[in-house]
């Protein structure tokens, strides 16, 4: 399992519309092969900043499967116009202690 993280900076004043559209777009990502779970958090100090966490079975499920899909084009149409700057996406693996 890998964890995708994306810090989302939504243009100020569009937070409510973004949250509504994100709820719609969630059905897209949750239908993808390799998808496990996702969560969206709103920053308490800066209400236009969000943290998106998505669990995928493999890195390729996200980078090739999702991003290379027609569904990703729908995701982009719904959400990408809200971001300024564009999110930095990173992937993490759990460290066994």
PDB file of N, CA and C in Angstrom:
ATOM      1  N   UNK A   1       0.844  -1.166   0.000  1.00  0.00           N
ATOM      2  CA  UNK A   1       0.000   0.000   0.000  1.00  0.00           C
ATOM      3  C   UNK A   1       0.892   1.232   0.000  1.00  0.00           C
ATOM      4  N   UNK A   2       0.507   2.228  -0.777  1.00  0.00           N
ATOM      5  CA  UNK A   2       1.213   3.509  -0.765  1.00  0.00           C
ATOM      6  C   UNK A   2       0.214   4.601  -0.397  1.00  0.00           C
ATOM      7  N   UNK A   3       0.744   5.687   0.129  1.00  0.00           N
ATOM      8  CA  UNK A   3      -0.071   6.826   0.516  1.00  0.00           C
ATOM      9  C   UNK A   3       0.314   8.019  -0.342  1.00  0.00           C
ATOM     10  N   UNK A   4      -0.640   8.521  -1.074  1.00  0.00           N
ATOM     11  CA  UNK A   4      -0.458   9.744  -1.862  1.00  0.00           C
ATOM     12  C   UNK A   4      -0.867  10.919  -0.985  1.00  0.00           C
ATOM     13  N   UNK A   5      -0.066  11.971  -1.009  1.00  0.00           N
ATOM     14  CA  UNK A   5      -0.460  13.196  -0.313  1.00  0.00           C
ATOM     15  C   UNK A   5      -0.392  14.354  -1.305  1.00  0.00           C
ATOM     16  N   UNK A   6      -1.355  15.243  -1.191  1.00  0.00           N
ATOM     17  CA  UNK A   6      -1.380  16.437  -2.030  1.00  0.00           C
ATOM     18  C   UNK A   6      -1.864  17.602  -1.178  1.00  0.00           C
ATOM     19  N   UNK A   7      -1.058  18.653  -1.126  1.00  0.00           N
ATOM     20  CA  UNK A   7      -1.466  19.874  -0.462  1.00  0.00           C
ATOM     21  C   UNK A   7      -2.194  20.720  -1.503  1.00  0.00           C
ATOM     22  N   UNK A   8      -3.459  21.002  -1.254  1.00  0.00           N
ATOM     23  CA  UNK A   8      -4.303  21.710  -2.209  1.00  0.00           C
ATOM     24  C   UNK A   8      -4.541  23.135  -1.726  1.00  0.00           C
ATOM     25  N   UNK A   9      -4.134  24.095  -2.528  1.00  0.00           N
ATOM     26  CA  UNK A   9      -4.370  25.508  -2.219  1.00  0.00           C
ATOM     27  C   UNK A   9      -5.506  25.976  -3.118  1.00  0.00           C
ATOM     28  N   UNK A  10      -6.674  26.124  -2.527  1.00  0.00           N
ATOM     29  CA  UNK A  10      -7.873  26.522  -3.259  1.00  0.00           C
ATOM     30  C   UNK A  10      -7.937  28.043  -3.293  1.00  0.00           C
ATOM     31  N   UNK A  11      -8.295  28.590  -4.447  1.00  0.00           N
ATOM     32  CA  UNK A  11      -8.388  30.044  -4.549  1.00  0.00           C
ATOM     33  C   UNK A  11      -9.393  30.559  -3.515  1.00  0.00           C
ATOM     34  N   UNK A  12      -8.987  31.608  -2.828  1.00  0.00           N
ATOM     35  CA  UNK A  12      -9.806  32.140  -1.727  1.00  0.00           C
ATOM     36  C   UNK A  12     -11.193  32.532  -2.219  1.00  0.00           C
ATOM     37  N   UNK A  13     -12.170  32.201  -1.395  1.00  0.00           N
ATOM     38  CA  UNK A  13     -13.562  32.484  -1.720  1.00  0.00           C
ATOM     39  C   UNK A  13     -14.260  31.342  -2.434  1.00  0.00           C
ATOM     40  N   UNK A  14     -13.487  30.322  -2.838  1.00  0.00           N
ATOM     41  CA  UNK A  14     -14.061  29.185  -3.556  1.00  0.00           C
ATOM     42  C   UNK A  14     -14.077  27.908  -2.726  1.00  0.00           C
ATOM     43  N   UNK A  15     -13.850  28.021  -1.441  1.00  0.00           N
ATOM     44  CA  UNK A  15     -13.753  26.838  -0.593  1.00  0.00           C
ATOM     45  C   UNK A  15     -15.039  26.011  -0.589  1.00  0.00           C
ATOM     46  N   UNK A  16     -16.170  26.655  -0.444  1.00  0.00           N
ATOM     47  CA  UNK A  16     -17.441  25.925  -0.388  1.00  0.00           C
ATOM     48  C   UNK A  16     -17.737  25.209  -1.708  1.00  0.00           C
ATOM     49  N   UNK A  17     -17.534  25.898  -2.813  1.00  0.00           N
ATOM     50  CA  UNK A  17     -17.759  25.292  -4.134  1.00  0.00           C
ATOM     51  C   UNK A  17     -16.793  24.134  -4.349  1.00  0.00           C
ATOM     52  N   UNK A  18     -15.535  24.307  -3.931  1.00  0.00           N
ATOM     53  CA  UNK A  18     -14.556  23.238  -4.047  1.00  0.00           C
ATOM     54  C   UNK A  18     -15.006  22.005  -3.265  1.00  0.00           C
ATOM     55  N   UNK A  19     -15.433  22.198  -2.036  1.00  0.00           N
ATOM     56  CA  UNK A  19     -15.854  21.070  -1.205  1.00  0.00           C
ATOM     57  C   UNK A  19     -17.037  20.331  -1.836  1.00  0.00           C
ATOM     58  N   UNK A  20     -17.977  21.062  -2.414  1.00  0.00           N
ATOM     59  CA  UNK A  20     -19.113  20.427  -3.083  1.00  0.00           C
ATOM     60  C   UNK A  20     -18.653  19.646  -4.310  1.00  0.00           C
ATOM     61  N   UNK A  21     -17.785  20.241  -5.101  1.00  0.00           N
ATOM     62  CA  UNK A  21     -17.282  19.565  -6.293  1.00  0.00           C
ATOM     63  C   UNK A  21     -16.372  18.391  -5.932  1.00  0.00           C
ATOM     64  N   UNK A  22     -15.629  18.523  -4.845  1.00  0.00           N
ATOM     65  CA  UNK A  22     -14.785  17.411  -4.423  1.00  0.00           C
ATOM     66  C   UNK A  22     -15.643  16.209  -4.043  1.00  0.00           C
ATOM     67  N   UNK A  23     -16.753  16.453  -3.392  1.00  0.00           N
ATOM     68  CA  UNK A  23     -17.661  15.351  -3.038  1.00  0.00           C
ATOM     69  C   UNK A  23     -18.128  14.628  -4.305  1.00  0.00           C
ATOM     70  N   UNK A  24     -18.428  15.377  -5.360  1.00  0.00           N
ATOM     71  CA  UNK A  24     -18.830  14.762  -6.636  1.00  0.00           C
ATOM     72  C   UNK A  24     -17.659  13.988  -7.249  1.00  0.00           C
ATOM     73  N   UNK A  25     -16.485  14.590  -7.241  1.00  0.00           N
ATOM     74  CA  UNK A  25     -15.307  13.970  -7.851  1.00  0.00           C
ATOM     75  C   UNK A  25     -14.850  12.735  -7.076  1.00  0.00           C
ATOM     76  N   UNK A  26     -15.209  12.651  -5.815  1.00  0.00           N
ATOM     77  CA  UNK A  26     -14.808  11.498  -5.006  1.00  0.00           C
ATOM     78  C   UNK A  26     -15.333  10.190  -5.574  1.00  0.00           C
ATOM     79  N   UNK A  27     -16.478  10.225  -6.226  1.00  0.00           N
ATOM     80  CA  UNK A  27     -17.016   8.998  -6.823  1.00  0.00           C
ATOM     81  C   UNK A  27     -16.133   8.522  -7.976  1.00  0.00           C
ATOM     82  N   UNK A  28     -15.434   9.450  -8.612  1.00  0.00           N
ATOM     83  CA  UNK A  28     -14.545   9.086  -9.715  1.00  0.00           C
ATOM     84  C   UNK A  28     -13.333   8.332  -9.182  1.00  0.00           C
ATOM     85  N   UNK A  29     -12.641   8.933  -8.239  1.00  0.00           N
ATOM     86  CA  UNK A  29     -11.408   8.317  -7.744  1.00  0.00           C
ATOM     87  C   UNK A  29     -11.699   7.005  -7.027  1.00  0.00           C
ATOM     88  N   UNK A  30     -12.800   6.951  -6.304  1.00  0.00           N
ATOM     89  CA  UNK A  30     -13.097   5.741  -5.532  1.00  0.00           C
ATOM     90  C   UNK A  30     -13.484   4.558  -6.406  1.00  0.00           C
ATOM     91  N   UNK A  31     -13.742   4.796  -7.689  1.00  0.00           N
ATOM     92  CA  UNK A  31     -14.100   3.709  -8.601  1.00  0.00           C
ATOM     93  C   UNK A  31     -12.885   3.128  -9.326  1.00  0.00           C
ATOM     94  N   UNK A  32     -11.701   3.683  -9.099  1.00  0.00           N
ATOM     95  CA  UNK A  32     -10.512   3.298  -9.857  1.00  0.00           C
ATOM     96  C   UNK A  32      -9.863   2.019  -9.318  1.00  0.00           C
ATOM     97  N   UNK A  33      -9.279   1.254 -10.225  1.00  0.00           N
ATOM     98  CA  UNK A  33      -8.539   0.051  -9.860  1.00  0.00           C
ATOM     99  C   UNK A  33      -7.374   0.431  -8.944  1.00  0.00           C
ATOM    100  N   UNK A  34      -7.227  -0.291  -7.850  1.00  0.00           N
ATOM    101  CA  UNK A  34      -6.134  -0.056  -6.919  1.00  0.00           C
ATOM    102  C   UNK A  34      -6.437   0.962  -5.833  1.00  0.00           C
ATOM    103  N   UNK A  35      -7.561   1.658  -5.960  1.00  0.00           N
ATOM    104  CA  UNK A  35      -7.960   2.630  -4.938  1.00  0.00           C
ATOM    105  C   UNK A  35      -8.352   1.887  -3.668  1.00  0.00           C
ATOM    106  N   UNK A  36      -7.913   2.415  -2.521  1.00  0.00           N
ATOM    107  CA  UNK A  36      -8.281   1.833  -1.233  1.00  0.00           C
ATOM    108  C   UNK A  36      -9.172   2.786  -0.436  1.00  0.00           C
ATOM    109  N   UNK A  37      -8.700   4.033  -0.262  1.00  0.00           N
ATOM    110  CA  UNK A  37      -9.410   4.961   0.628  1.00  0.00           C
ATOM    111  C   UNK A  37      -8.868   6.370   0.399  1.00  0.00           C
ATOM    112  N   UNK A  38      -9.681   7.387   0.666  1.00  0.00           N
ATOM    113  CA  UNK A  38      -9.163   8.751   0.642  1.00  0.00           C
ATOM    114  C   UNK A  38      -9.829   9.591   1.720  1.00  0.00           C
ATOM    115  N   UNK A  39      -9.117  10.650   2.098  1.00  0.00           N
ATOM    116  CA  UNK A  39      -9.605  11.593   3.095  1.00  0.00           C
ATOM    117  C   UNK A  39      -9.175  12.992   2.684  1.00  0.00           C
ATOM    118  N   UNK A  40     -10.020  13.959   2.967  1.00  0.00           N
ATOM    119  CA  UNK A  40      -9.713  15.359   2.702  1.00  0.00           C
ATOM    120  C   UNK A  40      -9.795  16.122   4.015  1.00  0.00           C
ATOM    121  N   UNK A  41      -8.737  16.872   4.324  1.00  0.00           N
ATOM    122  CA  UNK A  41      -8.669  17.656   5.553  1.00  0.00           C
ATOM    123  C   UNK A  41      -8.556  19.128   5.201  1.00  0.00           C
ATOM    124  N   UNK A  42      -9.248  19.977   5.973  1.00  0.00           N
ATOM    125  CA  UNK A  42      -9.173  21.427   5.792  1.00  0.00           C
ATOM    126  C   UNK A  42      -8.269  21.998   6.882  1.00  0.00           C
ATOM    127  N   UNK A  43      -7.354  22.855   6.494  1.00  0.00           N
ATOM    128  CA  UNK A  43      -6.407  23.463   7.430  1.00  0.00           C
ATOM    129  C   UNK A  43      -7.139  24.410   8.392  1.00  0.00           C
ATOM    130  N   UNK A  44      -6.812  24.318   9.652  1.00  0.00           N
ATOM    131  CA  UNK A  44      -7.446  25.180  10.656  1.00  0.00           C
ATOM    132  C   UNK A  44      -6.879  26.596  10.635  1.00  0.00           C
ATOM    133  N   UNK A  45      -5.624  26.740  10.233  1.00  0.00           N
ATOM    134  CA  UNK A  45      -4.992  28.058  10.222  1.00  0.00           C
ATOM    135  C   UNK A  45      -5.203  28.823   8.922  1.00  0.00           C
ATOM    136  N   UNK A  46      -5.431  28.115   7.837  1.00  0.00           N
ATOM    137  CA  UNK A  46      -5.623  28.745   6.520  1.00  0.00           C
ATOM    138  C   UNK A  46      -6.762  28.004   5.829  1.00  0.00           C
ATOM    139  N   UNK A  47      -7.969  28.572   5.877  1.00  0.00           N
ATOM    140  CA  UNK A  47      -9.156  27.820   5.445  1.00  0.00           C
ATOM    141  C   UNK A  47      -9.254  27.573   3.944  1.00  0.00           C
ATOM    142  N   UNK A  48      -8.292  28.050   3.176  1.00  0.00           N
ATOM    143  CA  UNK A  48      -8.273  27.758   1.734  1.00  0.00           C
ATOM    144  C   UNK A  48      -7.285  26.631   1.406  1.00  0.00           C
ATOM    145  N   UNK A  49      -6.688  26.060   2.435  1.00  0.00           N
ATOM    146  CA  UNK A  49      -5.676  25.012   2.258  1.00  0.00           C
ATOM    147  C   UNK A  49      -6.247  23.672   2.728  1.00  0.00           C
ATOM    148  N   UNK A  50      -6.041  22.641   1.896  1.00  0.00           N
ATOM    149  CA  UNK A  50      -6.557  21.301   2.176  1.00  0.00           C
ATOM    150  C   UNK A  50      -5.443  20.275   2.003  1.00  0.00           C
ATOM    151  N   UNK A  51      -5.560  19.182   2.731  1.00  0.00           N
ATOM    152  CA  UNK A  51      -4.653  18.060   2.582  1.00  0.00           C
ATOM    153  C   UNK A  51      -5.464  16.866   2.100  1.00  0.00           C
ATOM    154  N   UNK A  52      -5.085  16.342   0.947  1.00  0.00           N
ATOM    155  CA  UNK A  52      -5.724  15.151   0.393  1.00  0.00           C
ATOM    156  C   UNK A  52      -4.792  13.964   0.603  1.00  0.00           C
ATOM    157  N   UNK A  53      -5.319  12.915   1.211  1.00  0.00           N
ATOM    158  CA  UNK A  53      -4.583  11.674   1.412  1.00  0.00           C
ATOM    159  C   UNK A  53      -5.347  10.559   0.708  1.00  0.00           C
ATOM    160  N   UNK A  54      -4.641   9.810  -0.147  1.00  0.00           N
ATOM    161  CA  UNK A  54      -5.266   8.713  -0.877  1.00  0.00           C
ATOM    162  C   UNK A  54      -4.405   7.473  -0.721  1.00  0.00           C
ATOM    163  N   UNK A  55      -5.025   6.376  -0.349  1.00  0.00           N
ATOM    164  CA  UNK A  55      -4.327   5.097  -0.268  1.00  0.00           C
ATOM    165  C   UNK A  55      -4.565   4.332  -1.564  1.00  0.00           C
ATOM    166  N   UNK A  56      -3.469   3.852  -2.139  1.00  0.00           N
ATOM    167  CA  UNK A  56      -3.497   3.047  -3.359  1.00  0.00           C
ATOM    168  C   UNK A  56      -2.797   1.726  -3.092  1.00  0.00           C
ATOM    169  N   UNK A  57      -3.177   0.703  -3.824  1.00  0.00           N
ATOM    170  CA  UNK A  57      -2.498  -0.587  -3.694  1.00  0.00           C
ATOM    171  C   UNK A  57      -1.051  -0.480  -4.171  1.00  0.00           C
ATOM    172  N   UNK A  58      -0.826   0.208  -5.312  1.00  0.00           N
ATOM    173  CA  UNK A  58       0.526   0.378  -5.849  1.00  0.00           C
ATOM    174  C   UNK A  58       0.695   1.803  -6.357  1.00  0.00           C
ATOM    175  N   UNK A  59       1.930   2.219  -6.513  1.00  0.00           N
ATOM    176  CA  UNK A  59       2.228   3.532  -7.077  1.00  0.00           C
ATOM    177  C   UNK A  59       1.653   3.641  -8.484  1.00  0.00           C
ATOM    178  N   UNK A  60       1.793   2.572  -9.262  1.00  0.00           N
ATOM    179  CA  UNK A  60       1.321   2.583 -10.646  1.00  0.00           C
ATOM    180  C   UNK A  60      -0.198   2.703 -10.750  1.00  0.00           C
ATOM    181  N   UNK A  61      -0.923   2.219  -9.734  1.00  0.00           N
ATOM    182  CA  UNK A  61      -2.378   2.395  -9.747  1.00  0.00           C
ATOM    183  C   UNK A  61      -2.735   3.876  -9.793  1.00  0.00           C
ATOM    184  N   UNK A  62      -1.927   4.698  -9.143  1.00  0.00           N
ATOM    185  CA  UNK A  62      -2.165   6.136  -9.164  1.00  0.00           C
ATOM    186  C   UNK A  62      -1.556   6.791 -10.398  1.00  0.00           C
ATOM    187  N   UNK A  63      -0.246   6.590 -10.580  1.00  0.00           N
ATOM    188  CA  UNK A  63       0.483   7.347 -11.601  1.00  0.00           C
ATOM    189  C   UNK A  63       0.167   6.927 -13.027  1.00  0.00           C
ATOM    190  N   UNK A  64      -0.119   5.659 -13.238  1.00  0.00           N
ATOM    191  CA  UNK A  64      -0.421   5.172 -14.588  1.00  0.00           C
ATOM    192  C   UNK A  64      -1.921   4.919 -14.742  1.00  0.00           C
ATOM    193  N   UNK A  65      -2.475   4.117 -13.827  1.00  0.00           N
ATOM    194  CA  UNK A  65      -3.886   3.750 -13.926  1.00  0.00           C
ATOM    195  C   UNK A  65      -4.831   4.941 -13.841  1.00  0.00           C
ATOM    196  N   UNK A  66      -4.743   5.686 -12.757  1.00  0.00           N
ATOM    197  CA  UNK A  66      -5.658   6.815 -12.577  1.00  0.00           C
ATOM    198  C   UNK A  66      -5.305   7.985 -13.487  1.00  0.00           C
ATOM    199  N   UNK A  67      -4.068   8.424 -13.421  1.00  0.00           N
ATOM    200  CA  UNK A  67      -3.680   9.608 -14.204  1.00  0.00           C
ATOM    201  C   UNK A  67      -3.744   9.375 -15.715  1.00  0.00           C
ATOM    202  N   UNK A  68      -3.674   8.133 -16.139  1.00  0.00           N
ATOM    203  CA  UNK A  68      -3.747   7.832 -17.561  1.00  0.00           C
ATOM    204  C   UNK A  68      -5.148   7.506 -18.051  1.00  0.00           C
ATOM    205  N   UNK A  69      -6.118   7.662 -17.187  1.00  0.00           N
ATOM    206  CA  UNK A  69      -7.487   7.245 -17.510  1.00  0.00           C
ATOM    207  C   UNK A  69      -8.355   8.394 -18.007  1.00  0.00           C
ATOM    208  N   UNK A  70      -9.449   8.049 -18.663  1.00  0.00           N
ATOM    209  CA  UNK A  70     -10.436   9.055 -19.071  1.00  0.00           C
ATOM    210  C   UNK A  70     -11.134   9.636 -17.843  1.00  0.00           C
ATOM    211  N   UNK A  71     -11.213   8.846 -16.773  1.00  0.00           N
ATOM    212  CA  UNK A  71     -11.813   9.339 -15.530  1.00  0.00           C
ATOM    213  C   UNK A  71     -10.993  10.476 -14.926  1.00  0.00           C
ATOM    214  N   UNK A  72      -9.666  10.395 -15.099  1.00  0.00           N
ATOM    215  CA  UNK A  72      -8.807  11.468 -14.596  1.00  0.00           C
ATOM    216  C   UNK A  72      -9.109  12.775 -15.327  1.00  0.00           C
ATOM    217  N   UNK A  73      -9.445  12.710 -16.596  1.00  0.00           N
ATOM    218  CA  UNK A  73      -9.806  13.914 -17.343  1.00  0.00           C
ATOM    219  C   UNK A  73     -11.047  14.563 -16.736  1.00  0.00           C
ATOM    220  N   UNK A  74     -12.000  13.757 -16.297  1.00  0.00           N
ATOM    221  CA  UNK A  74     -13.198  14.277 -15.617  1.00  0.00           C
ATOM    222  C   UNK A  74     -12.814  14.901 -14.275  1.00  0.00           C
ATOM    223  N   UNK A  75     -11.952  14.214 -13.532  1.00  0.00           N
ATOM    224  CA  UNK A  75     -11.443  14.719 -12.239  1.00  0.00           C
ATOM    225  C   UNK A  75     -10.818  16.099 -12.436  1.00  0.00           C
ATOM    226  N   UNK A  76      -9.955  16.220 -13.461  1.00  0.00           N
ATOM    227  CA  UNK A  76      -9.299  17.491 -13.754  1.00  0.00           C
ATOM    228  C   UNK A  76     -10.319  18.581 -14.071  1.00  0.00           C
ATOM    229  N   UNK A  77     -11.309  18.265 -14.894  1.00  0.00           N
ATOM    230  CA  UNK A  77     -12.335  19.249 -15.264  1.00  0.00           C
ATOM    231  C   UNK A  77     -13.075  19.778 -14.048  1.00  0.00           C
ATOM    232  N   UNK A  78     -13.358  18.889 -13.128  1.00  0.00           N
ATOM    233  CA  UNK A  78     -14.139  19.264 -11.944  1.00  0.00           C
ATOM    234  C   UNK A  78     -13.306  20.067 -10.950  1.00  0.00           C
ATOM    235  N   UNK A  79     -12.030  19.707 -10.761  1.00  0.00           N
ATOM    236  CA  UNK A  79     -11.264  20.239  -9.631  1.00  0.00           C
ATOM    237  C   UNK A  79     -10.088  21.144  -9.943  1.00  0.00           C
ATOM    238  N   UNK A  80      -9.391  20.934 -11.029  1.00  0.00           N
ATOM    239  CA  UNK A  80      -8.103  21.607 -11.208  1.00  0.00           C
ATOM    240  C   UNK A  80      -8.182  23.125 -11.329  1.00  0.00           C
ATOM    241  N   UNK A  81      -9.311  23.663 -11.731  1.00  0.00           N
ATOM    242  CA  UNK A  81      -9.418  25.127 -11.843  1.00  0.00           C
ATOM    243  C   UNK A  81      -9.458  25.825 -10.474  1.00  0.00           C
ATOM    244  N   UNK A  82      -9.615  25.066  -9.399  1.00  0.00           N
ATOM    245  CA  UNK A  82      -9.636  25.653  -8.058  1.00  0.00           C
ATOM    246  C   UNK A  82      -8.238  25.919  -7.499  1.00  0.00           C
ATOM    247  N   UNK A  83      -7.197  25.307  -8.044  1.00  0.00           N
ATOM    248  CA  UNK A  83      -5.884  25.304  -7.413  1.00  0.00           C
ATOM    249  C   UNK A  83      -4.978  26.437  -7.892  1.00  0.00           C
ATOM    250  N   UNK A  84      -4.355  27.113  -6.915  1.00  0.00           N
ATOM    251  CA  UNK A  84      -3.343  28.114  -7.212  1.00  0.00           C
ATOM    252  C   UNK A  84      -2.436  28.246  -5.986  1.00  0.00           C
ATOM    253  N   UNK A  85      -1.226  27.720  -6.063  1.00  0.00           N
ATOM    254  CA  UNK A  85      -0.580  27.053  -7.197  1.00  0.00           C
ATOM    255  C   UNK A  85      -1.075  25.616  -7.327  1.00  0.00           C
ATOM    256  N   UNK A  86      -0.615  24.956  -8.396  1.00  0.00           N
ATOM    257  CA  UNK A  86      -0.997  23.571  -8.609  1.00  0.00           C
ATOM    258  C   UNK A  86      -0.386  22.707  -7.505  1.00  0.00           C
ATOM    259  N   UNK A  87      -1.116  21.700  -7.025  1.00  0.00           N
ATOM    260  CA  UNK A  87      -0.642  20.892  -5.895  1.00  0.00           C
ATOM    261  C   UNK A  87       0.641  20.123  -6.170  1.00  0.00           C
ATOM    262  N   UNK A  88       1.421  19.982  -5.119  1.00  0.00           N
ATOM    263  CA  UNK A  88       2.576  19.096  -5.154  1.00  0.00           C
ATOM    264  C   UNK A  88       2.106  17.749  -4.612  1.00  0.00           C
ATOM    265  N   UNK A  89       2.270  16.704  -5.416  1.00  0.00           N
ATOM    266  CA  UNK A  89       1.821  15.365  -5.049  1.00  0.00           C
ATOM    267  C   UNK A  89       3.040  14.517  -4.729  1.00  0.00           C
ATOM    268  N   UNK A  90       2.986  13.817  -3.609  1.00  0.00           N
ATOM    269  CA  UNK A  90       4.078  12.950  -3.193  1.00  0.00           C
ATOM    270  C   UNK A  90       3.504  11.601  -2.758  1.00  0.00           C
ATOM    271  N   UNK A  91       4.342  10.579  -2.784  1.00  0.00           N
ATOM    272  CA  UNK A  91       3.919   9.228  -2.431  1.00  0.00           C
ATOM    273  C   UNK A  91       4.801   8.692  -1.307  1.00  0.00           C
ATOM    274  N   UNK A  92       4.176   7.975  -0.380  1.00  0.00           N
ATOM    275  CA  UNK A  92       4.873   7.488   0.802  1.00  0.00           C
ATOM    276  C   UNK A  92       4.588   6.006   1.028  1.00  0.00           C
ATOM    277  N   UNK A  93       5.546   5.339   1.616  1.00  0.00           N
ATOM    278  CA  UNK A  93       5.367   3.959   2.068  1.00  0.00           C
ATOM    279  C   UNK A  93       5.547   3.933   3.582  1.00  0.00           C
ATOM    280  N   UNK A  94       4.853   3.033   4.212  1.00  0.00           N
ATOM    281  CA  UNK A  94       4.917   2.925   5.666  1.00  0.00           C
ATOM    282  C   UNK A  94       6.274   2.342   6.082  1.00  0.00           C
ATOM    283  N   UNK A  95       6.834   2.915   7.133  1.00  0.00           N
ATOM    284  CA  UNK A  95       8.085   2.445   7.683  1.00  0.00           C
ATOM    285  C   UNK A  95       7.762   1.470   8.817  1.00  0.00           C
ATOM    286  N   UNK A  96       8.309   0.279   8.740  1.00  0.00           N
ATOM    287  CA  UNK A  96       8.100  -0.700   9.806  1.00  0.00           C
ATOM    288  C   UNK A  96       9.074  -0.419  10.927  1.00  0.00           C
ATOM    289  N   UNK A  97       8.551  -0.307  12.128  1.00  0.00           N
ATOM    290  CA  UNK A  97       9.397  -0.047  13.300  1.00  0.00           C
ATOM    291  C   UNK A  97       9.458  -1.257  14.196  1.00  0.00           C
TER     292      UNK A  97
END
